[in-house]
Amino acid sequence: FLGCYGAIQESQCLLGTFFTCLVILFAC
């Protein structure tokens, strides 16, 4: 949901947060 909202709003901050969360989840 965070990634979708960031893409709709074209927010680099939200997309960067989305990427960081994915990296953490991938490590888990």
mmCIF file of all heavy atoms, coordinates in Angstrom:
data_MODEL
# 
_entry.id   MODEL 
# 
loop_
_atom_site.group_PDB 
_atom_site.id 
_atom_site.type_symbol 
_atom_site.label_atom_id 
_atom_site.label_alt_id 
_atom_site.label_comp_id 
_atom_site.label_asym_id 
_atom_site.label_entity_id 
_atom_site.label_seq_id 
_atom_site.pdbx_PDB_ins_code 
_atom_site.Cartn_x 
_atom_site.Cartn_y 
_atom_site.Cartn_z 
_atom_site.occupancy 
_atom_site.B_iso_or_equiv 
_atom_site.pdbx_formal_charge 
_atom_site.auth_seq_id 
_atom_site.auth_comp_id 
_atom_site.auth_asym_id 
_atom_site.auth_atom_id 
_atom_site.pdbx_PDB_model_num 
ATOM 1   N N   . PHE A 1 1  ? 0.835  -1.202  0.000   1.00 0.00 ? 1  PHE A N   1 
ATOM 2   C CA  . PHE A 1 1  ? 0.000  0.000   0.000   1.00 0.00 ? 1  PHE A CA  1 
ATOM 3   C C   . PHE A 1 1  ? 0.867  1.249   0.000   1.00 0.00 ? 1  PHE A C   1 
ATOM 4   O O   . PHE A 1 1  ? 0.584  2.227   -0.711  1.00 0.00 ? 1  PHE A O   1 
ATOM 5   C CB  . PHE A 1 1  ? -0.920 -0.004  1.222   1.00 0.00 ? 1  PHE A CB  1 
ATOM 6   C CG  . PHE A 1 1  ? -1.691 1.268   1.411   1.00 0.00 ? 1  PHE A CG  1 
ATOM 7   C CD1 . PHE A 1 1  ? -2.821 1.535   0.646   1.00 0.00 ? 1  PHE A CD1 1 
ATOM 8   C CD2 . PHE A 1 1  ? -1.279 2.214   2.341   1.00 0.00 ? 1  PHE A CD2 1 
ATOM 9   C CE1 . PHE A 1 1  ? -3.530 2.708   0.810   1.00 0.00 ? 1  PHE A CE1 1 
ATOM 10  C CE2 . PHE A 1 1  ? -1.985 3.386   2.519   1.00 0.00 ? 1  PHE A CE2 1 
ATOM 11  C CZ  . PHE A 1 1  ? -3.117 3.641   1.747   1.00 0.00 ? 1  PHE A CZ  1 
ATOM 12  N N   . LEU A 1 2  ? 1.946  1.222   0.779   1.00 0.00 ? 2  LEU A N   1 
ATOM 13  C CA  . LEU A 1 2  ? 2.869  2.350   0.831   1.00 0.00 ? 2  LEU A CA  1 
ATOM 14  C C   . LEU A 1 2  ? 3.486  2.613   -0.543  1.00 0.00 ? 2  LEU A C   1 
ATOM 15  O O   . LEU A 1 2  ? 3.591  3.767   -0.983  1.00 0.00 ? 2  LEU A O   1 
ATOM 16  C CB  . LEU A 1 2  ? 3.967  2.065   1.861   1.00 0.00 ? 2  LEU A CB  1 
ATOM 17  C CG  . LEU A 1 2  ? 4.983  3.173   2.140   1.00 0.00 ? 2  LEU A CG  1 
ATOM 18  C CD1 . LEU A 1 2  ? 4.320  4.320   2.882   1.00 0.00 ? 2  LEU A CD1 1 
ATOM 19  C CD2 . LEU A 1 2  ? 6.153  2.633   2.965   1.00 0.00 ? 2  LEU A CD2 1 
ATOM 20  N N   . GLY A 1 3  ? 3.882  1.532   -1.233  1.00 0.00 ? 3  GLY A N   1 
ATOM 21  C CA  . GLY A 1 3  ? 4.478  1.695   -2.556  1.00 0.00 ? 3  GLY A CA  1 
ATOM 22  C C   . GLY A 1 3  ? 3.483  2.226   -3.575  1.00 0.00 ? 3  GLY A C   1 
ATOM 23  O O   . GLY A 1 3  ? 3.824  3.083   -4.402  1.00 0.00 ? 3  GLY A O   1 
ATOM 24  N N   . CYS A 1 4  ? 2.253  1.723   -3.525  1.00 0.00 ? 4  CYS A N   1 
ATOM 25  C CA  . CYS A 1 4  ? 1.223  2.200   -4.454  1.00 0.00 ? 4  CYS A CA  1 
ATOM 26  C C   . CYS A 1 4  ? 0.930  3.679   -4.230  1.00 0.00 ? 4  CYS A C   1 
ATOM 27  O O   . CYS A 1 4  ? 0.824  4.466   -5.189  1.00 0.00 ? 4  CYS A O   1 
ATOM 28  C CB  . CYS A 1 4  ? -0.065 1.386   -4.292  1.00 0.00 ? 4  CYS A CB  1 
ATOM 29  S SG  . CYS A 1 4  ? 0.053  -0.304  -4.900  1.00 0.00 ? 4  CYS A SG  1 
ATOM 30  N N   . TYR A 1 5  ? 0.801  4.066   -2.979  1.00 0.00 ? 5  TYR A N   1 
ATOM 31  C CA  . TYR A 1 5  ? 0.510  5.464   -2.663  1.00 0.00 ? 5  TYR A CA  1 
ATOM 32  C C   . TYR A 1 5  ? 1.674  6.357   -3.080  1.00 0.00 ? 5  TYR A C   1 
ATOM 33  O O   . TYR A 1 5  ? 1.469  7.452   -3.627  1.00 0.00 ? 5  TYR A O   1 
ATOM 34  C CB  . TYR A 1 5  ? 0.244  5.617   -1.165  1.00 0.00 ? 5  TYR A CB  1 
ATOM 35  C CG  . TYR A 1 5  ? -0.187 7.007   -0.768  1.00 0.00 ? 5  TYR A CG  1 
ATOM 36  C CD1 . TYR A 1 5  ? -1.483 7.457   -1.040  1.00 0.00 ? 5  TYR A CD1 1 
ATOM 37  C CD2 . TYR A 1 5  ? 0.704  7.875   -0.139  1.00 0.00 ? 5  TYR A CD2 1 
ATOM 38  C CE1 . TYR A 1 5  ? -1.881 8.726   -0.683  1.00 0.00 ? 5  TYR A CE1 1 
ATOM 39  C CE2 . TYR A 1 5  ? 0.317  9.156   0.221   1.00 0.00 ? 5  TYR A CE2 1 
ATOM 40  C CZ  . TYR A 1 5  ? -0.975 9.580   -0.055  1.00 0.00 ? 5  TYR A CZ  1 
ATOM 41  O OH  . TYR A 1 5  ? -1.362 10.856  0.291   1.00 0.00 ? 5  TYR A OH  1 
ATOM 42  N N   . GLY A 1 6  ? 2.903  5.874   -2.840  1.00 0.00 ? 6  GLY A N   1 
ATOM 43  C CA  . GLY A 1 6  ? 4.065  6.653   -3.252  1.00 0.00 ? 6  GLY A CA  1 
ATOM 44  C C   . GLY A 1 6  ? 4.155  6.813   -4.758  1.00 0.00 ? 6  GLY A C   1 
ATOM 45  O O   . GLY A 1 6  ? 4.547  7.868   -5.257  1.00 0.00 ? 6  GLY A O   1 
ATOM 46  N N   . ALA A 1 7  ? 3.774  5.759   -5.491  1.00 0.00 ? 7  ALA A N   1 
ATOM 47  C CA  . ALA A 1 7  ? 3.807  5.851   -6.955  1.00 0.00 ? 7  ALA A CA  1 
ATOM 48  C C   . ALA A 1 7  ? 2.742  6.822   -7.460  1.00 0.00 ? 7  ALA A C   1 
ATOM 49  O O   . ALA A 1 7  ? 2.983  7.607   -8.390  1.00 0.00 ? 7  ALA A O   1 
ATOM 50  C CB  . ALA A 1 7  ? 3.594  4.471   -7.551  1.00 0.00 ? 7  ALA A CB  1 
ATOM 51  N N   . ILE A 1 8  ? 1.543  6.779   -6.870  1.00 0.00 ? 8  ILE A N   1 
ATOM 52  C CA  . ILE A 1 8  ? 0.465  7.681   -7.293  1.00 0.00 ? 8  ILE A CA  1 
ATOM 53  C C   . ILE A 1 8  ? 0.839  9.131   -7.003  1.00 0.00 ? 8  ILE A C   1 
ATOM 54  O O   . ILE A 1 8  ? 0.627  10.029  -7.833  1.00 0.00 ? 8  ILE A O   1 
ATOM 55  C CB  . ILE A 1 8  ? -0.849 7.305   -6.570  1.00 0.00 ? 8  ILE A CB  1 
ATOM 56  C CG1 . ILE A 1 8  ? -1.331 5.935   -7.044  1.00 0.00 ? 8  ILE A CG1 1 
ATOM 57  C CG2 . ILE A 1 8  ? -1.928 8.362   -6.820  1.00 0.00 ? 8  ILE A CG2 1 
ATOM 58  C CD1 . ILE A 1 8  ? -2.513 5.401   -6.267  1.00 0.00 ? 8  ILE A CD1 1 
ATOM 59  N N   . GLN A 1 9  ? 1.422  9.372   -5.824  1.00 0.00 ? 9  GLN A N   1 
ATOM 60  C CA  . GLN A 1 9  ? 1.805  10.731  -5.441  1.00 0.00 ? 9  GLN A CA  1 
ATOM 61  C C   . GLN A 1 9  ? 3.154  11.143  -6.029  1.00 0.00 ? 9  GLN A C   1 
ATOM 62  O O   . GLN A 1 9  ? 3.570  12.289  -5.866  1.00 0.00 ? 9  GLN A O   1 
ATOM 63  C CB  . GLN A 1 9  ? 1.877  10.827  -3.911  1.00 0.00 ? 9  GLN A CB  1 
ATOM 64  C CG  . GLN A 1 9  ? 0.547  10.602  -3.210  1.00 0.00 ? 9  GLN A CG  1 
ATOM 65  C CD  . GLN A 1 9  ? -0.476 11.645  -3.552  1.00 0.00 ? 9  GLN A CD  1 
ATOM 66  O OE1 . GLN A 1 9  ? -0.169 12.829  -3.691  1.00 0.00 ? 9  GLN A OE1 1 
ATOM 67  N NE2 . GLN A 1 9  ? -1.733 11.202  -3.717  1.00 0.00 ? 9  GLN A NE2 1 
ATOM 68  N N   . GLU A 1 10 ? 3.833  10.208  -6.682  1.00 0.00 ? 10 GLU A N   1 
ATOM 69  C CA  . GLU A 1 10 ? 5.162  10.443  -7.240  1.00 0.00 ? 10 GLU A CA  1 
ATOM 70  C C   . GLU A 1 10 ? 6.113  10.980  -6.170  1.00 0.00 ? 10 GLU A C   1 
ATOM 71  O O   . GLU A 1 10 ? 6.826  11.965  -6.363  1.00 0.00 ? 10 GLU A O   1 
ATOM 72  C CB  . GLU A 1 10 ? 5.090  11.404  -8.432  1.00 0.00 ? 10 GLU A CB  1 
ATOM 73  C CG  . GLU A 1 10 ? 4.281  10.853  -9.594  1.00 0.00 ? 10 GLU A CG  1 
ATOM 74  C CD  . GLU A 1 10 ? 4.322  11.749  -10.821 1.00 0.00 ? 10 GLU A CD  1 
ATOM 75  O OE1 . GLU A 1 10 ? 4.936  12.839  -10.724 1.00 0.00 ? 10 GLU A OE1 1 
ATOM 76  O OE2 . GLU A 1 10 ? 3.778  11.361  -11.856 1.00 0.00 ? 10 GLU A OE2 1 
ATOM 77  N N   . SER A 1 11 ? 6.097  10.300  -5.016  1.00 0.00 ? 11 SER A N   1 
ATOM 78  C CA  . SER A 1 11 ? 6.914  10.716  -3.881  1.00 0.00 ? 11 SER A CA  1 
ATOM 79  C C   . SER A 1 11 ? 8.175  9.862   -3.809  1.00 0.00 ? 11 SER A C   1 
ATOM 80  O O   . SER A 1 11 ? 8.099  8.645   -3.617  1.00 0.00 ? 11 SER A O   1 
ATOM 81  C CB  . SER A 1 11 ? 6.110  10.570  -2.581  1.00 0.00 ? 11 SER A CB  1 
ATOM 82  O OG  . SER A 1 11 ? 6.937  10.756  -1.464  1.00 0.00 ? 11 SER A OG  1 
ATOM 83  N N   . GLN A 1 12 ? 9.318  10.506  -3.953  1.00 0.00 ? 12 GLN A N   1 
ATOM 84  C CA  . GLN A 1 12 ? 10.578 9.780   -3.850  1.00 0.00 ? 12 GLN A CA  1 
ATOM 85  C C   . GLN A 1 12 ? 10.802 9.271   -2.423  1.00 0.00 ? 12 GLN A C   1 
ATOM 86  O O   . GLN A 1 12 ? 11.388 8.209   -2.223  1.00 0.00 ? 12 GLN A O   1 
ATOM 87  C CB  . GLN A 1 12 ? 11.741 10.684  -4.260  1.00 0.00 ? 12 GLN A CB  1 
ATOM 88  C CG  . GLN A 1 12 ? 11.721 11.096  -5.735  1.00 0.00 ? 12 GLN A CG  1 
ATOM 89  C CD  . GLN A 1 12 ? 12.965 11.874  -6.127  1.00 0.00 ? 12 GLN A CD  1 
ATOM 90  O OE1 . GLN A 1 12 ? 14.075 11.461  -5.800  1.00 0.00 ? 12 GLN A OE1 1 
ATOM 91  N NE2 . GLN A 1 12 ? 12.777 12.999  -6.813  1.00 0.00 ? 12 GLN A NE2 1 
ATOM 92  N N   . CYS A 1 13 ? 10.321 10.041  -1.442  1.00 0.00 ? 13 CYS A N   1 
ATOM 93  C CA  . CYS A 1 13 ? 10.497 9.626   -0.040  1.00 0.00 ? 13 CYS A CA  1 
ATOM 94  C C   . CYS A 1 13 ? 9.754  8.327   0.237   1.00 0.00 ? 13 CYS A C   1 
ATOM 95  O O   . CYS A 1 13 ? 10.313 7.391   0.816   1.00 0.00 ? 13 CYS A O   1 
ATOM 96  C CB  . CYS A 1 13 ? 10.006 10.739  0.881   1.00 0.00 ? 13 CYS A CB  1 
ATOM 97  S SG  . CYS A 1 13 ? 10.136 10.345  2.647   1.00 0.00 ? 13 CYS A SG  1 
ATOM 98  N N   . LEU A 1 14 ? 8.498  8.255   -0.199  1.00 0.00 ? 14 LEU A N   1 
ATOM 99  C CA  . LEU A 1 14 ? 7.710  7.044   0.030   1.00 0.00 ? 14 LEU A CA  1 
ATOM 100 C C   . LEU A 1 14 ? 8.280  5.861   -0.746  1.00 0.00 ? 14 LEU A C   1 
ATOM 101 O O   . LEU A 1 14 ? 8.323  4.736   -0.236  1.00 0.00 ? 14 LEU A O   1 
ATOM 102 C CB  . LEU A 1 14 ? 6.254  7.281   -0.353  1.00 0.00 ? 14 LEU A CB  1 
ATOM 103 C CG  . LEU A 1 14 ? 5.430  8.145   0.613   1.00 0.00 ? 14 LEU A CG  1 
ATOM 104 C CD1 . LEU A 1 14 ? 4.038  8.381   0.053   1.00 0.00 ? 14 LEU A CD1 1 
ATOM 105 C CD2 . LEU A 1 14 ? 5.350  7.490   1.982   1.00 0.00 ? 14 LEU A CD2 1 
ATOM 106 N N   . LEU A 1 15 ? 8.715  6.104   -1.965  1.00 0.00 ? 15 LEU A N   1 
ATOM 107 C CA  . LEU A 1 15 ? 9.290  5.024   -2.756  1.00 0.00 ? 15 LEU A CA  1 
ATOM 108 C C   . LEU A 1 15 ? 10.613 4.545   -2.169  1.00 0.00 ? 15 LEU A C   1 
ATOM 109 O O   . LEU A 1 15 ? 10.924 3.355   -2.193  1.00 0.00 ? 15 LEU A O   1 
ATOM 110 C CB  . LEU A 1 15 ? 9.484  5.485   -4.212  1.00 0.00 ? 15 LEU A CB  1 
ATOM 111 C CG  . LEU A 1 15 ? 8.199  5.634   -5.032  1.00 0.00 ? 15 LEU A CG  1 
ATOM 112 C CD1 . LEU A 1 15 ? 8.500  6.251   -6.383  1.00 0.00 ? 15 LEU A CD1 1 
ATOM 113 C CD2 . LEU A 1 15 ? 7.505  4.289   -5.207  1.00 0.00 ? 15 LEU A CD2 1 
ATOM 114 N N   . GLY A 1 16 ? 11.395 5.501   -1.623  1.00 0.00 ? 16 GLY A N   1 
ATOM 115 C CA  . GLY A 1 16 ? 12.636 5.111   -0.958  1.00 0.00 ? 16 GLY A CA  1 
ATOM 116 C C   . GLY A 1 16 ? 12.374 4.291   0.293   1.00 0.00 ? 16 GLY A C   1 
ATOM 117 O O   . GLY A 1 16 ? 13.066 3.306   0.575   1.00 0.00 ? 16 GLY A O   1 
ATOM 118 N N   . THR A 1 17 ? 11.344 4.698   1.050   1.00 0.00 ? 17 THR A N   1 
ATOM 119 C CA  . THR A 1 17 ? 10.945 3.919   2.229   1.00 0.00 ? 17 THR A CA  1 
ATOM 120 C C   . THR A 1 17 ? 10.457 2.537   1.821   1.00 0.00 ? 17 THR A C   1 
ATOM 121 O O   . THR A 1 17 ? 10.747 1.535   2.484   1.00 0.00 ? 17 THR A O   1 
ATOM 122 C CB  . THR A 1 17 ? 9.842  4.658   2.998   1.00 0.00 ? 17 THR A CB  1 
ATOM 123 O OG1 . THR A 1 17 ? 10.294 5.979   3.321   1.00 0.00 ? 17 THR A OG1 1 
ATOM 124 C CG2 . THR A 1 17 ? 9.480  3.918   4.271   1.00 0.00 ? 17 THR A CG2 1 
ATOM 125 N N   . PHE A 1 18 ? 9.693  2.480   0.745   1.00 0.00 ? 18 PHE A N   1 
ATOM 126 C CA  . PHE A 1 18 ? 9.204  1.220   0.205   1.00 0.00 ? 18 PHE A CA  1 
ATOM 127 C C   . PHE A 1 18 ? 10.368 0.294   -0.137  1.00 0.00 ? 18 PHE A C   1 
ATOM 128 O O   . PHE A 1 18 ? 10.370 -0.896  0.220   1.00 0.00 ? 18 PHE A O   1 
ATOM 129 C CB  . PHE A 1 18 ? 8.356  1.513   -1.033  1.00 0.00 ? 18 PHE A CB  1 
ATOM 130 C CG  . PHE A 1 18 ? 7.880  0.297   -1.765  1.00 0.00 ? 18 PHE A CG  1 
ATOM 131 C CD1 . PHE A 1 18 ? 6.945  -0.552  -1.215  1.00 0.00 ? 18 PHE A CD1 1 
ATOM 132 C CD2 . PHE A 1 18 ? 8.361  0.005   -3.037  1.00 0.00 ? 18 PHE A CD2 1 
ATOM 133 C CE1 . PHE A 1 18 ? 6.493  -1.668  -1.900  1.00 0.00 ? 18 PHE A CE1 1 
ATOM 134 C CE2 . PHE A 1 18 ? 7.923  -1.103  -3.729  1.00 0.00 ? 18 PHE A CE2 1 
ATOM 135 C CZ  . PHE A 1 18 ? 6.990  -1.942  -3.156  1.00 0.00 ? 18 PHE A CZ  1 
ATOM 136 N N   . PHE A 1 19 ? 11.378 0.834   -0.798  1.00 0.00 ? 19 PHE A N   1 
ATOM 137 C CA  . PHE A 1 19 ? 12.555 0.046   -1.174  1.00 0.00 ? 19 PHE A CA  1 
ATOM 138 C C   . PHE A 1 19 ? 13.296 -0.450  0.067   1.00 0.00 ? 19 PHE A C   1 
ATOM 139 O O   . PHE A 1 19 ? 13.710 -1.619  0.128   1.00 0.00 ? 19 PHE A O   1 
ATOM 140 C CB  . PHE A 1 19 ? 13.489 0.889   -2.048  1.00 0.00 ? 19 PHE A CB  1 
ATOM 141 C CG  . PHE A 1 19 ? 14.755 0.186   -2.445  1.00 0.00 ? 19 PHE A CG  1 
ATOM 142 C CD1 . PHE A 1 19 ? 14.768 -0.695  -3.517  1.00 0.00 ? 19 PHE A CD1 1 
ATOM 143 C CD2 . PHE A 1 19 ? 15.932 0.401   -1.738  1.00 0.00 ? 19 PHE A CD2 1 
ATOM 144 C CE1 . PHE A 1 19 ? 15.934 -1.352  -3.880  1.00 0.00 ? 19 PHE A CE1 1 
ATOM 145 C CE2 . PHE A 1 19 ? 17.101 -0.252  -2.096  1.00 0.00 ? 19 PHE A CE2 1 
ATOM 146 C CZ  . PHE A 1 19 ? 17.100 -1.128  -3.170  1.00 0.00 ? 19 PHE A CZ  1 
ATOM 147 N N   . THR A 1 20 ? 13.459 0.423   1.073   1.00 0.00 ? 20 THR A N   1 
ATOM 148 C CA  . THR A 1 20 ? 14.158 0.032   2.295   1.00 0.00 ? 20 THR A CA  1 
ATOM 149 C C   . THR A 1 20 ? 13.428 -1.096  3.019   1.00 0.00 ? 20 THR A C   1 
ATOM 150 O O   . THR A 1 20 ? 14.049 -2.064  3.488   1.00 0.00 ? 20 THR A O   1 
ATOM 151 C CB  . THR A 1 20 ? 14.294 1.247   3.233   1.00 0.00 ? 20 THR A CB  1 
ATOM 152 O OG1 . THR A 1 20 ? 14.977 2.305   2.548   1.00 0.00 ? 20 THR A OG1 1 
ATOM 153 C CG2 . THR A 1 20 ? 15.064 0.875   4.491   1.00 0.00 ? 20 THR A CG2 1 
ATOM 154 N N   . CYS A 1 21 ? 12.108 -0.976  3.102   1.00 0.00 ? 21 CYS A N   1 
ATOM 155 C CA  . CYS A 1 21 ? 11.318 -2.031  3.748   1.00 0.00 ? 21 CYS A CA  1 
ATOM 156 C C   . CYS A 1 21 ? 11.454 -3.350  3.002   1.00 0.00 ? 21 CYS A C   1 
ATOM 157 O O   . CYS A 1 21 ? 11.530 -4.419  3.615   1.00 0.00 ? 21 CYS A O   1 
ATOM 158 C CB  . CYS A 1 21 ? 9.852  -1.619  3.816   1.00 0.00 ? 21 CYS A CB  1 
ATOM 159 S SG  . CYS A 1 21 ? 9.511  -0.258  4.953   1.00 0.00 ? 21 CYS A SG  1 
ATOM 160 N N   . LEU A 1 22 ? 11.494 -3.281  1.676   1.00 0.00 ? 22 LEU A N   1 
ATOM 161 C CA  . LEU A 1 22 ? 11.642 -4.506  0.889   1.00 0.00 ? 22 LEU A CA  1 
ATOM 162 C C   . LEU A 1 22 ? 12.995 -5.169  1.129   1.00 0.00 ? 22 LEU A C   1 
ATOM 163 O O   . LEU A 1 22 ? 13.088 -6.397  1.200   1.00 0.00 ? 22 LEU A O   1 
ATOM 164 C CB  . LEU A 1 22 ? 11.477 -4.193  -0.604  1.00 0.00 ? 22 LEU A CB  1 
ATOM 165 C CG  . LEU A 1 22 ? 10.069 -3.908  -1.094  1.00 0.00 ? 22 LEU A CG  1 
ATOM 166 C CD1 . LEU A 1 22 ? 10.082 -3.600  -2.584  1.00 0.00 ? 22 LEU A CD1 1 
ATOM 167 C CD2 . LEU A 1 22 ? 9.144  -5.088  -0.820  1.00 0.00 ? 22 LEU A CD2 1 
ATOM 168 N N   . VAL A 1 23 ? 14.034 -4.348  1.257   1.00 0.00 ? 23 VAL A N   1 
ATOM 169 C CA  . VAL A 1 23 ? 15.359 -4.910  1.531   1.00 0.00 ? 23 VAL A CA  1 
ATOM 170 C C   . VAL A 1 23 ? 15.365 -5.633  2.877   1.00 0.00 ? 23 VAL A C   1 
ATOM 171 O O   . VAL A 1 23 ? 15.906 -6.735  3.013   1.00 0.00 ? 23 VAL A O   1 
ATOM 172 C CB  . VAL A 1 23 ? 16.428 -3.797  1.509   1.00 0.00 ? 23 VAL A CB  1 
ATOM 173 C CG1 . VAL A 1 23 ? 17.777 -4.331  1.997   1.00 0.00 ? 23 VAL A CG1 1 
ATOM 174 C CG2 . VAL A 1 23 ? 16.575 -3.224  0.105   1.00 0.00 ? 23 VAL A CG2 1 
ATOM 175 N N   . ILE A 1 24 ? 14.737 -5.018  3.892   1.00 0.00 ? 24 ILE A N   1 
ATOM 176 C CA  . ILE A 1 24 ? 14.674 -5.639  5.214   1.00 0.00 ? 24 ILE A CA  1 
ATOM 177 C C   . ILE A 1 24 ? 13.887 -6.948  5.161   1.00 0.00 ? 24 ILE A C   1 
ATOM 178 O O   . ILE A 1 24 ? 14.297 -7.973  5.719   1.00 0.00 ? 24 ILE A O   1 
ATOM 179 C CB  . ILE A 1 24 ? 14.049 -4.667  6.236   1.00 0.00 ? 24 ILE A CB  1 
ATOM 180 C CG1 . ILE A 1 24 ? 14.949 -3.441  6.411   1.00 0.00 ? 24 ILE A CG1 1 
ATOM 181 C CG2 . ILE A 1 24 ? 13.826 -5.354  7.578   1.00 0.00 ? 24 ILE A CG2 1 
ATOM 182 C CD1 . ILE A 1 24 ? 14.343 -2.354  7.266   1.00 0.00 ? 24 ILE A CD1 1 
ATOM 183 N N   . LEU A 1 25 ? 12.730 -6.915  4.472   1.00 0.00 ? 25 LEU A N   1 
ATOM 184 C CA  . LEU A 1 25 ? 11.920 -8.121  4.348   1.00 0.00 ? 25 LEU A CA  1 
ATOM 185 C C   . LEU A 1 25 ? 12.666 -9.215  3.586   1.00 0.00 ? 25 LEU A C   1 
ATOM 186 O O   . LEU A 1 25 ? 12.566 -10.398 3.923   1.00 0.00 ? 25 LEU A O   1 
ATOM 187 C CB  . LEU A 1 25 ? 10.600 -7.801  3.644   1.00 0.00 ? 25 LEU A CB  1 
ATOM 188 C CG  . LEU A 1 25 ? 9.569  -7.006  4.447   1.00 0.00 ? 25 LEU A CG  1 
ATOM 189 C CD1 . LEU A 1 25 ? 8.371  -6.666  3.568   1.00 0.00 ? 25 LEU A CD1 1 
ATOM 190 C CD2 . LEU A 1 25 ? 9.117  -7.803  5.657   1.00 0.00 ? 25 LEU A CD2 1 
ATOM 191 N N   . PHE A 1 26 ? 13.398 -8.831  2.557   1.00 0.00 ? 26 PHE A N   1 
ATOM 192 C CA  . PHE A 1 26 ? 14.162 -9.801  1.776   1.00 0.00 ? 26 PHE A CA  1 
ATOM 193 C C   . PHE A 1 26 ? 15.229 -10.460 2.646   1.00 0.00 ? 26 PHE A C   1 
ATOM 194 O O   . PHE A 1 26 ? 15.448 -11.677 2.572   1.00 0.00 ? 26 PHE A O   1 
ATOM 195 C CB  . PHE A 1 26 ? 14.802 -9.120  0.572   1.00 0.00 ? 26 PHE A CB  1 
ATOM 196 C CG  . PHE A 1 26 ? 15.514 -10.066 -0.351  1.00 0.00 ? 26 PHE A CG  1 
ATOM 197 C CD1 . PHE A 1 26 ? 14.797 -10.858 -1.242  1.00 0.00 ? 26 PHE A CD1 1 
ATOM 198 C CD2 . PHE A 1 26 ? 16.887 -10.168 -0.333  1.00 0.00 ? 26 PHE A CD2 1 
ATOM 199 C CE1 . PHE A 1 26 ? 15.447 -11.731 -2.097  1.00 0.00 ? 26 PHE A CE1 1 
ATOM 200 C CE2 . PHE A 1 26 ? 17.544 -11.042 -1.183  1.00 0.00 ? 26 PHE A CE2 1 
ATOM 201 C CZ  . PHE A 1 26 ? 16.823 -11.823 -2.066  1.00 0.00 ? 26 PHE A CZ  1 
ATOM 202 N N   . ALA A 1 27 ? 15.886 -9.659  3.494   1.00 0.00 ? 27 ALA A N   1 
ATOM 203 C CA  . ALA A 1 27 ? 16.888 -10.213 4.406   1.00 0.00 ? 27 ALA A CA  1 
ATOM 204 C C   . ALA A 1 27 ? 16.241 -11.196 5.381   1.00 0.00 ? 27 ALA A C   1 
ATOM 205 O O   . ALA A 1 27 ? 16.810 -12.253 5.680   1.00 0.00 ? 27 ALA A O   1 
ATOM 206 C CB  . ALA A 1 27 ? 17.585 -9.083  5.164   1.00 0.00 ? 27 ALA A CB  1 
ATOM 207 N N   . CYS A 1 28 ? 15.033 -10.858 5.872   1.00 0.00 ? 28 CYS A N   1 
ATOM 208 C CA  . CYS A 1 28 ? 14.318 -11.773 6.768   1.00 0.00 ? 28 CYS A CA  1 
ATOM 209 C C   . CYS A 1 28 ? 13.962 -13.068 6.054   1.00 0.00 ? 28 CYS A C   1 
ATOM 210 O O   . CYS A 1 28 ? 14.046 -14.157 6.644   1.00 0.00 ? 28 CYS A O   1 
ATOM 211 C CB  . CYS A 1 28 ? 13.050 -11.100 7.285   1.00 0.00 ? 28 CYS A CB  1 
ATOM 212 S SG  . CYS A 1 28 ? 13.332 -9.713  8.413   1.00 0.00 ? 28 CYS A SG  1 
# 
